[in-house]
Protein backbone atom coordinates (compact mmCIF):
# COMPACT_ATOMS: atom_id res chain seq x y z
CA MET A 1 0.06 0.11 0.03
CA ALA A 2 1.77 3.50 -1.37
CA THR A 3 2.77 5.72 1.79
CA THR A 4 0.72 9.61 1.91
CA ASP A 5 3.24 11.80 1.13
CA PHE A 6 1.56 14.53 3.64
CA PRO A 7 4.45 16.97 3.60
CA ALA A 8 3.09 17.73 -0.72
CA GLU A 9 -0.48 17.09 0.31
CA ILE A 10 -0.11 19.56 2.69
CA ARG A 11 1.58 22.24 0.68
CA ASP A 12 -1.27 21.52 -1.85
CA LEU A 13 -3.50 22.48 0.40
CA ARG A 14 -1.79 25.47 1.38
CA THR A 15 -1.81 26.26 -2.07
CA THR A 16 -5.57 25.88 -2.72
CA LEU A 17 -6.18 28.00 0.51
CA ALA A 18 -4.39 30.96 -0.85
CA SER A 19 -6.26 31.16 -3.90
CA ILE A 20 -9.59 30.77 -2.62
CA GLN A 21 -7.95 33.69 0.23
CA ALA A 22 -6.92 35.69 -2.34
CA VAL A 23 -10.38 35.64 -3.82
CA SER A 24 -12.60 36.05 -1.22
CA ASP A 25 -10.25 38.28 0.59
CA PRO A 26 -10.38 37.65 4.55
CA THR A 27 -9.23 42.07 5.10
CA ALA A 28 -12.54 42.64 2.96
CA LEU A 29 -14.80 40.66 4.89
CA ARG A 30 -13.39 41.83 8.70
CA ALA A 31 -14.41 45.47 7.39
CA LYS A 32 -17.48 44.56 6.10
CA ILE A 33 -18.24 42.54 9.37
CA ALA A 34 -17.20 45.77 11.11
CA GLN A 35 -19.37 47.48 9.41
CA LEU A 36 -22.25 45.62 9.48
CA SER A 37 -21.78 44.61 13.01
CA GLU A 38 -22.14 48.33 13.65
CA ALA A 39 -25.56 48.92 11.39
CA ALA A 40 -26.98 45.64 13.53
CA SER A 41 -26.24 47.82 17.19
CA ALA A 42 -28.14 50.55 15.68
CA PRO A 43 -31.22 51.06 18.52
CA ASP A 44 -33.72 51.61 15.33
CA LEU A 45 -32.93 48.52 13.36
CA TRP A 46 -36.02 47.36 14.20
CA ASP A 47 -38.00 50.02 12.81
CA ASP A 48 -37.66 48.89 9.45
CA PRO A 49 -38.14 44.68 10.14
CA ASP A 50 -37.57 44.06 6.57
CA SER A 51 -34.45 46.18 6.31
CA ALA A 52 -33.12 44.18 10.07
CA GLN A 53 -33.69 41.34 8.42
CA LYS A 54 -31.20 42.19 5.33
CA VAL A 55 -28.76 43.57 7.66
CA THR A 56 -28.33 40.41 10.29
CA SER A 57 -28.65 37.58 7.24
CA ALA A 58 -25.52 39.50 5.82
CA LEU A 59 -23.72 40.35 8.97
CA SER A 60 -24.32 35.87 9.68
CA ALA A 61 -23.48 35.23 6.06
CA THR A 62 -20.61 36.92 6.07
CA GLN A 63 -19.20 35.88 9.77
CA ALA A 64 -20.32 32.58 8.38
CA GLU A 65 -17.56 32.88 5.60
CA LEU A 66 -14.49 34.44 7.11
CA GLU A 67 -14.93 31.99 9.68
CA ARG A 68 -15.08 28.82 6.60
CA VAL A 69 -11.74 30.33 5.48
CA ASP A 70 -9.75 30.54 9.14
CA ARG A 71 -10.97 27.30 10.95
CA LEU A 72 -9.83 25.81 7.20
CA ALA A 73 -5.95 27.41 8.13
CA GLY A 74 -6.67 26.16 11.29
CA ARG A 75 -7.52 22.29 10.21
CA ILE A 76 -4.66 22.21 8.12
CA ASN A 77 -1.88 23.55 11.10
CA ASP A 78 -3.41 21.11 12.91
CA LEU A 79 -3.57 18.66 10.79
CA GLU A 80 0.34 19.42 10.21
CA THR A 81 1.24 18.67 14.15
CA LEU A 82 -1.19 15.69 13.67
CA VAL A 83 1.34 14.05 10.91
CA GLU A 84 4.34 15.33 13.03
CA LEU A 85 3.19 13.51 16.19
CA GLY A 86 2.59 9.69 14.45
CA GLN A 87 5.71 10.00 12.46
CA GLU A 88 7.47 10.68 16.05
CA MET A 89 5.43 7.78 17.68
CA GLY A 90 4.93 5.66 15.07
CA ASP A 91 1.91 5.73 15.74
CA GLU A 92 0.03 4.18 12.74
CA ASP A 93 -4.17 5.04 14.55
CA THR A 94 -2.75 8.56 14.91
CA MET A 95 -1.14 8.45 11.28
CA ALA A 96 -4.74 6.98 9.81
CA GLU A 97 -6.81 9.85 11.97
CA ALA A 98 -4.25 12.10 9.83
CA GLU A 99 -5.67 10.67 6.38
CA ALA A 100 -9.29 11.47 7.48
CA GLU A 101 -8.65 14.49 8.37
CA LEU A 102 -6.60 15.29 4.93
CA VAL A 103 -9.06 13.60 3.20
CA ALA A 104 -11.96 15.59 5.04
CA ILE A 105 -10.27 18.55 4.77
CA ARG A 106 -9.46 18.27 1.00
CA LYS A 107 -13.28 17.83 0.47
CA ASP A 108 -14.52 20.98 2.39
CA LEU A 109 -11.61 22.54 0.41
CA ASP A 110 -13.00 21.84 -2.55
CA ALA A 111 -16.38 22.67 -1.61
CA LEU A 112 -15.06 26.45 -0.66
CA GLU A 113 -13.53 27.06 -3.74
CA ILE A 114 -16.50 26.31 -5.74
CA ARG A 115 -17.78 29.84 -3.66
CA THR A 116 -15.23 31.02 -5.42
CA LEU A 117 -16.17 30.25 -9.04
CA LEU A 118 -20.04 31.96 -7.97
CA ALA A 119 -18.98 35.38 -9.51
CA GLY A 120 -21.94 35.80 -11.94
CA GLN A 121 -24.30 39.06 -11.99
CA TYR A 122 -27.03 37.09 -9.54
CA ASP A 123 -24.99 34.13 -8.03
CA GLN A 124 -25.36 35.58 -4.37
CA ARG A 125 -28.65 35.83 -4.20
CA GLU A 126 -31.74 33.31 -2.66
CA ALA A 127 -33.33 31.28 -5.69
CA VAL A 128 -36.74 30.77 -7.12
CA VAL A 129 -36.89 27.14 -8.35
CA THR A 130 -39.77 25.88 -10.13
CA ILE A 131 -40.33 22.04 -11.53
CA ARG A 132 -42.93 21.10 -14.26
CA SER A 133 -43.33 17.20 -15.65
CA GLY A 134 -42.92 17.05 -18.88
CA ALA A 135 -43.02 13.18 -21.23
CA GLY A 136 -44.50 11.10 -19.71
CA GLY A 137 -47.77 10.81 -18.16
CA VAL A 138 -47.94 10.18 -15.05
CA ASP A 139 -45.02 8.91 -14.32
CA ALA A 140 -43.39 12.53 -15.23
CA ALA A 141 -45.72 13.65 -12.48
CA ASP A 142 -43.95 11.23 -9.69
CA PHE A 143 -40.86 11.80 -11.17
CA ALA A 144 -41.17 16.04 -10.34
CA GLU A 145 -42.66 14.64 -6.95
CA MET A 146 -38.98 13.56 -6.30
CA LEU A 147 -37.31 15.95 -7.80
CA LEU A 148 -38.58 18.47 -5.34
CA ARG A 149 -38.09 16.34 -2.59
CA MET A 150 -33.99 16.19 -3.82
CA TYR A 151 -33.77 19.49 -3.74
CA LEU A 152 -35.73 20.26 -0.95
CA ARG A 153 -33.56 17.79 1.17
CA TRP A 154 -30.70 19.37 -0.34
CA ALA A 155 -31.14 22.29 1.64
CA GLU A 156 -32.82 20.64 4.20
CA ARG A 157 -28.69 19.07 4.60
CA HIS A 158 -27.57 22.66 4.53
CA ASN A 159 -30.09 24.40 7.32
CA TYR A 160 -31.04 26.48 4.07
CA PRO A 161 -34.73 27.50 4.66
CA THR A 162 -36.95 26.82 1.90
CA THR A 163 -40.93 28.21 1.00
CA VAL A 164 -43.05 25.79 -1.46
CA LEU A 165 -44.82 28.19 -3.14
CA ASP A 166 -46.94 26.71 -5.05
CA THR A 167 -48.23 23.19 -6.04
CA SER A 168 -50.36 21.56 -8.94
CA TYR A 169 -51.19 18.10 -8.15
CA ALA A 170 -51.85 15.80 -11.21
CA GLU A 171 -54.89 14.32 -11.19
CA GLU A 172 -53.34 10.28 -10.56
CA ALA A 173 -50.40 10.59 -8.63
CA GLY A 174 -47.13 13.54 -8.58
CA LEU A 175 -47.39 17.04 -9.53
CA LYS A 176 -47.38 19.49 -12.49
CA SER A 177 -45.47 22.03 -11.40
CA ALA A 178 -44.37 23.53 -8.13
CA THR A 179 -41.95 26.39 -7.16
CA PHE A 180 -40.32 26.52 -3.87
CA GLU A 181 -37.59 29.31 -2.53
CA VAL A 182 -34.39 28.33 -1.10
CA LYS A 183 -33.82 31.40 1.26
CA ALA A 184 -29.94 31.43 1.35
CA PRO A 185 -26.97 33.08 0.24
CA TYR A 186 -25.40 31.97 -3.17
CA ALA A 187 -28.52 29.86 -3.76
CA TYR A 188 -28.56 30.78 -6.93
CA GLY A 189 -25.08 30.40 -7.94
CA HIS A 190 -25.40 27.06 -6.91
CA LEU A 191 -28.52 25.47 -8.23
CA SER A 192 -28.46 27.65 -11.42
CA VAL A 193 -26.98 24.51 -13.28
CA GLU A 194 -29.64 22.41 -12.48
CA ALA A 195 -31.58 24.36 -14.33
CA GLY A 196 -32.38 22.01 -17.40
CA THR A 197 -34.23 18.94 -18.57
CA HIS A 198 -34.12 15.81 -16.40
CA ARG A 199 -34.60 12.22 -17.80
CA LEU A 200 -35.98 9.30 -15.42
CA VAL A 201 -35.75 5.54 -16.92
CA ARG A 202 -37.12 2.89 -14.31
CA ILE A 203 -40.03 -0.16 -14.25
CA SER A 204 -42.73 1.72 -13.90
CA PRO A 205 -45.23 1.65 -10.66
CA PHE A 206 -47.88 2.57 -12.68
CA ASP A 207 -47.97 0.16 -15.29
CA ASN A 208 -49.63 -3.13 -14.47
CA GLN A 209 -47.55 -5.09 -17.32
CA GLY A 210 -44.36 -3.57 -15.22
CA ARG A 211 -43.03 -2.43 -18.16
CA ARG A 212 -39.98 0.24 -18.54
CA GLN A 213 -40.86 4.41 -18.44
CA THR A 214 -38.99 7.19 -19.32
CA SER A 215 -40.04 10.30 -18.21
CA PHE A 216 -38.66 13.59 -18.16
CA ALA A 217 -39.03 17.07 -15.65
CA ALA A 218 -37.71 20.24 -16.34
CA VAL A 219 -36.01 22.97 -13.65
CA GLU A 220 -35.95 26.22 -13.95
CA VAL A 221 -34.06 28.43 -11.49
CA ILE A 222 -34.52 32.02 -11.67
CA PRO A 223 -32.84 34.20 -8.61
CA LEU A 224 -34.78 36.30 -5.87
CA ILE A 225 -35.38 40.00 -7.28
CA GLU A 226 -35.11 42.61 -4.88
CA GLN A 227 -36.11 46.19 -4.84
CA THR A 228 -32.61 47.39 -6.20
CA ASP A 229 -33.05 45.86 -8.64
CA SER A 230 -35.85 48.13 -10.57
CA ILE A 231 -37.94 45.90 -12.05
CA GLU A 232 -40.88 48.07 -12.56
CA ILE A 233 -44.09 46.52 -13.81
CA PRO A 234 -47.00 48.69 -15.23
CA GLU A 235 -50.73 47.59 -13.42
CA SER A 236 -51.61 48.37 -16.99
CA GLU A 237 -49.39 44.83 -18.26
CA ILE A 238 -50.17 42.63 -15.37
CA LYS A 239 -54.08 40.71 -15.56
CA VAL A 240 -54.75 38.84 -12.56
CA ASP A 241 -57.20 35.95 -12.13
CA VAL A 242 -58.45 34.75 -8.20
CA PHE A 243 -59.64 31.09 -7.62
CA ARG A 244 -59.76 28.93 -4.98
CA SER A 245 -56.43 26.80 -4.06
CA SER A 246 -57.15 23.03 -4.98
CA GLY A 247 -55.18 19.77 -3.37
CA PRO A 248 -55.02 16.79 -2.66
CA GLY A 249 -57.73 16.79 -0.78
CA GLY A 250 -58.65 17.21 3.55
CA GLN A 251 -57.71 20.57 5.32
CA SER A 252 -55.15 21.57 2.55
CA VAL A 253 -58.31 23.12 -0.07
CA ASN A 254 -59.32 26.67 0.20
CA THR A 255 -63.23 27.44 0.75
CA THR A 256 -62.31 31.12 -0.21
CA ASP A 257 -60.86 32.60 -3.52
CA SER A 258 -57.24 33.17 -2.30
CA ALA A 259 -55.11 31.70 -5.02
CA VAL A 260 -53.92 34.06 -7.57
CA ARG A 261 -52.91 33.67 -11.05
CA MET A 262 -50.80 36.45 -12.55
CA THR A 263 -49.78 37.16 -16.21
CA HIS A 264 -47.90 39.14 -17.43
CA ILE A 265 -49.40 39.69 -21.67
CA PRO A 266 -46.18 41.53 -23.33
CA THR A 267 -44.80 38.23 -22.43
CA GLY A 268 -46.62 36.04 -21.54
CA ILE A 269 -45.42 34.65 -18.41
CA VAL A 270 -47.58 33.04 -15.99
CA VAL A 271 -47.31 32.16 -12.40
CA SER A 272 -49.96 31.29 -10.23
CA MET A 273 -49.72 31.24 -5.92
CA GLN A 274 -51.90 29.35 -3.67
CA ASN A 275 -50.10 28.18 -0.55
CA GLU A 276 -50.12 31.46 1.66
CA LYS A 277 -53.68 32.16 3.87
CA SER A 278 -54.45 35.26 1.65
CA GLN A 279 -55.17 37.18 -1.86
CA ILE A 280 -52.71 39.02 -0.57
CA GLN A 281 -50.19 37.88 0.54
CA ASN A 282 -50.27 34.86 -2.77
CA ARG A 283 -50.32 38.48 -4.42
CA ALA A 284 -47.23 39.27 -3.52
CA ALA A 285 -45.63 36.30 -3.87
CA ALA A 286 -46.87 36.24 -7.32
CA LEU A 287 -45.62 39.36 -8.32
CA ARG A 288 -42.03 38.08 -6.44
CA VAL A 289 -41.54 35.88 -8.58
CA LEU A 290 -42.91 37.80 -11.46
CA GLN A 291 -40.29 40.11 -11.46
CA SER A 292 -37.69 37.52 -11.07
CA ARG A 293 -38.44 35.61 -13.86
CA LEU A 294 -38.33 38.86 -15.98
CA LEU A 295 -34.92 39.80 -14.52
CA LEU A 296 -33.82 36.91 -15.71
CA VAL A 297 -36.01 37.35 -18.93
CA ARG A 298 -33.46 41.01 -19.93
CA GLN A 299 -30.02 39.61 -18.37
CA GLU A 300 -30.67 36.35 -21.46
CA GLU A 301 -31.47 39.13 -23.36
CA GLU A 302 -28.63 40.85 -22.54
CA ARG A 303 -26.71 37.42 -23.06
CA ALA A 304 -27.55 36.72 -26.48
CA ALA A 305 -26.97 39.89 -27.61
CA LYS A 306 -22.87 39.77 -26.48
CA LYS A 307 -22.70 36.07 -28.08
CA GLU A 308 -24.43 37.87 -31.18
CA LEU A 309 -21.80 39.89 -31.59
CA ALA A 310 -18.43 37.13 -30.18
CA GLY A 311 -20.49 35.06 -33.07
CA ASP A 312 -21.98 31.45 -33.59
CA ILE A 313 -20.62 29.80 -29.56
CA LYS A 314 -21.22 25.94 -29.47
CA ALA A 315 -21.49 25.30 -25.83
CA SER A 316 -24.65 23.00 -26.21
CA TRP A 317 -25.08 19.44 -24.51
CA GLY A 318 -29.02 19.32 -26.23
CA ASP A 319 -32.63 19.64 -23.80
CA GLN A 320 -31.50 17.04 -21.07
CA MET A 321 -28.45 17.00 -19.21
CA ARG A 322 -29.27 14.32 -16.24
CA SER A 323 -30.36 10.93 -16.62
CA TYR A 324 -31.50 8.68 -13.29
CA VAL A 325 -31.80 5.72 -13.87
CA LEU A 326 -33.61 2.74 -11.97
CA GLN A 327 -33.74 -0.06 -14.62
CA PRO A 328 -31.81 -2.15 -15.91
CA TYR A 329 -29.09 -0.61 -13.67
CA GLN A 330 -29.00 1.92 -11.41
CA MET A 331 -27.06 5.25 -12.49
CA VAL A 332 -27.20 9.00 -11.64
CA LYS A 333 -25.34 11.00 -15.24
CA ASP A 334 -24.70 14.68 -15.75
CA LEU A 335 -24.36 14.26 -19.82
CA ARG A 336 -22.17 17.24 -19.57
CA THR A 337 -19.30 16.90 -17.06
CA GLU A 338 -19.62 13.04 -17.33
CA HIS A 339 -20.08 13.15 -13.35
CA GLU A 340 -21.37 10.07 -12.43
CA VAL A 341 -22.57 8.32 -9.65
CA GLY A 342 -23.89 5.03 -9.35
CA ASN A 343 -26.41 5.03 -5.94
CA PRO A 344 -29.73 7.09 -7.72
CA ALA A 345 -31.37 6.16 -3.83
CA ALA A 346 -28.69 8.69 -1.81
CA VAL A 347 -29.05 11.11 -4.75
CA PHE A 348 -32.68 11.61 -4.65
CA ASP A 349 -32.40 12.03 -0.67
CA GLY A 350 -30.48 15.20 -1.94
CA ASP A 351 -26.77 14.13 -1.87
CA ILE A 352 -26.17 16.34 -4.93
CA ASP A 353 -23.21 18.42 -3.82
CA ASP A 354 -21.47 16.46 -6.22
CA PHE A 355 -22.78 17.46 -9.13
CA ILE A 356 -23.58 21.06 -8.50
CA GLU A 357 -19.82 21.38 -7.64
CA ALA A 358 -19.20 19.84 -10.74
CA GLY A 359 -21.78 21.82 -12.85
CA VAL A 360 -20.17 24.75 -11.12
CA ARG A 361 -16.89 24.36 -12.91
CA TRP A 362 -18.51 23.02 -16.40
CA ARG A 363 -20.06 26.32 -16.47
CA ARG A 364 -17.09 27.82 -14.93
CA ALA A 365 -14.41 26.61 -17.91
CA GLN A 366 -17.45 26.97 -20.54
CA GLU A 367 -17.46 30.89 -19.79
CA ILE A 368 -13.33 30.96 -20.21
CA SER A 369 -13.14 28.79 -23.11
CA ALA A 370 -16.32 31.18 -25.28
């Protein structure tokens, strides 16, 4: 069995950390924390709850980012000490502990390095995710519900708050569509690489002949709008319909017309909200998501204009971006990055960090080559 070259590994860890520090700039982070701490201690902070929430959230996120960088520097130093101790004592258990910590530090550094690649205009934003069933009938609707659970479990693993804004249930099983928010910094930067067409191959539980079925679902990810984005929508461009909320039955079905369907007339974009308790809340949520989608449209128009000026850049990979195969073998494979795993159950339980990290690196490579 080959012996780990710990001095070389530790030098490599420090080199990676130095490149991360060059981008994250701990000195600037400390200055930002001081500024936010001063704002958070203002006696009139909570006179404006929305502003106060933004200040405290920004302070918490910045402190956590600095802590991650500083903690990794300390862990690398501790690893070096542990290796020296194990080698001096000839202790196999200590060296095994050092091996495990080396792997753990490298994994945490990789995750932190991904953050430095999220430098897009809206990457720091919270995210609004919409999942829609596609071709495949009831299997596609069931697949959409599986994807919803997958992303909610991923957020739960990271302690990211989520709010389901809208669910449209299919007649037999599963979902026609669902929209939810992920309320965490850089949620959009991470989840934006999940946008696209997902494919599921399995023995259909809805086919009494036990035949294999292929079904599809679409994932849309947009950045959450902020007041500073100045996306103003004239009232004349919006059509609002109210209707009774629907659900699978029981207490979840409202008895008043509280659900809202908002249509942006010039673009035809439609947003439905029914999961809030009142029509006013659903209307506000629908307007926020509509603004976010229009922001994305504007961003795509700007990108298309730049692409036209630059010429035809072939970086497409087709409609399908990931396959989840349960039969005749077990595999989940991203068709852009070639990253694959043989445990679909873990993936559907929210273990998708490796896919997201590979997607972020792939996107960055595409941007550089373009």
